[in-house]
Amino acid sequence: MPESTLPIIPYGDFLVRFNTQVFNLSSARQLNLALLICEKLLPEYYRFYQAHSWGNPDILLDAINLIRKSKLAPVIPSVVDDIAVKLEAVTPDMDDFGSLFFWQVRSVAL
């Protein structure tokens, strides 16, 4: 099987392309993409939590479930505000944790 020949582009160019494509999606598709990314990276947060005994995966799961519910019915803004505060509290700071999977963990929490 031939090896993939994906073009290598500078990170800045990738960000521009990615942001352009994402922001051209409908709000519903942006939400679906964000949800998919969070679900895929959640195991990384669990590994971080286990390795550092820091954070709270249940808060991330609550936030993911809230996003799922928001696709079916409106959510109360104060509930969103509350979970946002809780998420901020369990989002690791890069200065405190320098592990290899840090960026993935932070991405899930953000």
Protein backbone atom coordinates (compact mmCIF):
# COMPACT_ATOMS: atom_id res chain seq x y z
CA MET A 1 0.00 0.00 0.00
CA PRO A 2 1.52 3.38 -0.97
CA GLU A 3 2.35 5.83 1.76
CA SER A 4 0.08 8.87 2.06
CA THR A 5 1.42 11.94 0.31
CA LEU A 6 -0.39 14.70 2.16
CA PRO A 7 1.15 18.09 1.52
CA ILE A 8 3.10 19.60 4.38
CA ILE A 9 2.07 23.18 5.04
CA PRO A 10 3.26 25.66 7.65
CA TYR A 11 1.18 25.71 10.83
CA GLY A 12 0.06 29.30 10.27
CA ASP A 13 -1.26 28.41 6.83
CA PHE A 14 -3.04 25.39 8.29
CA LEU A 15 -4.75 27.59 10.90
CA VAL A 16 -5.94 30.03 8.25
CA ARG A 17 -7.35 27.21 6.11
CA PHE A 18 -8.91 25.44 9.08
CA ASN A 19 -10.53 28.59 10.47
CA THR A 20 -11.86 29.56 7.06
CA GLN A 21 -13.44 26.16 6.56
CA VAL A 22 -14.87 25.94 10.07
CA PHE A 23 -16.32 29.45 10.09
CA ASN A 24 -17.98 28.76 6.74
CA LEU A 25 -19.94 25.91 8.32
CA SER A 26 -23.42 26.48 9.67
CA SER A 27 -23.72 26.95 13.43
CA ALA A 28 -25.18 23.47 13.76
CA ARG A 29 -22.26 21.89 11.90
CA GLN A 30 -19.76 23.92 13.93
CA LEU A 31 -21.40 22.61 17.09
CA ASN A 32 -21.27 19.03 15.75
CA LEU A 33 -17.58 19.42 14.92
CA ALA A 34 -16.77 20.82 18.36
CA LEU A 35 -18.71 18.01 20.02
CA LEU A 36 -16.94 15.36 17.94
CA ILE A 37 -13.52 16.81 18.79
CA CYS A 38 -14.33 16.92 22.51
CA GLU A 39 -15.61 13.34 22.46
CA LYS A 40 -12.52 12.10 20.61
CA LEU A 41 -10.10 13.88 22.95
CA LEU A 42 -11.90 13.06 26.21
CA PRO A 43 -9.80 9.88 26.74
CA GLU A 44 -6.70 12.12 26.72
CA TYR A 45 -8.20 14.16 29.54
CA TYR A 46 -8.84 10.93 31.48
CA ARG A 47 -5.19 9.93 31.02
CA PHE A 48 -4.07 13.38 32.16
CA TYR A 49 -6.40 13.18 35.16
CA GLN A 50 -5.02 9.79 36.14
CA ALA A 51 -1.38 10.79 35.62
CA HIS A 52 -1.59 14.09 37.50
CA SER A 53 -4.53 13.54 39.88
CA TRP A 54 -5.80 16.92 38.74
CA GLY A 55 -9.03 18.02 37.08
CA ASN A 56 -12.49 16.51 36.94
CA PRO A 57 -13.60 14.42 33.96
CA ASP A 58 -17.20 14.48 35.20
CA ILE A 59 -17.40 18.23 34.55
CA LEU A 60 -16.25 17.69 30.98
CA LEU A 61 -18.85 14.95 30.55
CA ASP A 62 -21.50 17.29 31.95
CA ALA A 63 -20.50 19.91 29.40
CA ILE A 64 -20.57 17.40 26.54
CA ASN A 65 -24.01 16.21 27.65
CA LEU A 66 -25.21 19.81 27.83
CA ILE A 67 -24.06 20.33 24.24
CA ARG A 68 -25.93 17.20 23.19
CA LYS A 69 -29.09 18.42 24.95
CA SER A 70 -28.75 21.85 23.33
CA LYS A 71 -29.13 20.18 19.94
CA LEU A 72 -32.60 18.99 20.98
CA ALA A 73 -33.92 21.95 22.95
CA PRO A 74 -32.82 25.36 24.19
CA VAL A 75 -30.76 25.39 27.37
CA ILE A 76 -31.00 27.92 30.18
CA PRO A 77 -28.23 30.52 29.84
CA SER A 78 -27.41 30.37 33.56
CA VAL A 79 -26.75 26.63 33.19
CA VAL A 80 -24.31 27.36 30.37
CA ASP A 81 -22.63 30.07 32.47
CA ASP A 82 -22.34 27.69 35.42
CA ILE A 83 -20.72 24.92 33.40
CA ALA A 84 -18.35 27.43 31.77
CA VAL A 85 -17.09 28.49 35.20
CA LYS A 86 -16.64 24.87 36.21
CA LEU A 87 -14.81 24.08 32.96
CA GLU A 88 -12.42 26.97 33.53
CA ALA A 89 -11.58 25.52 36.94
CA VAL A 90 -10.64 22.11 35.47
CA THR A 91 -8.76 23.42 32.43
CA PRO A 92 -5.06 22.82 33.01
CA ASP A 93 -2.61 25.68 32.66
CA MET A 94 0.36 25.04 30.38
CA ASP A 95 2.74 26.57 32.92
CA ASP A 96 1.67 23.99 35.51
CA PHE A 97 1.60 20.87 33.34
CA GLY A 98 4.16 20.20 30.61
CA SER A 99 3.11 16.71 29.53
CA LEU A 100 3.18 15.56 25.93
CA PHE A 101 -0.58 15.35 25.69
CA PHE A 102 -1.20 18.68 27.42
CA TRP A 103 -2.51 20.48 24.32
CA GLN A 104 -5.05 17.72 23.71
CA VAL A 105 -6.28 17.84 27.28
CA ARG A 106 -6.57 21.63 27.20
CA SER A 107 -8.45 21.44 23.88
CA VAL A 108 -11.09 19.20 25.38
CA ALA A 109 -11.61 21.45 28.37
CA LEU A 110 -11.79 24.59 26.25
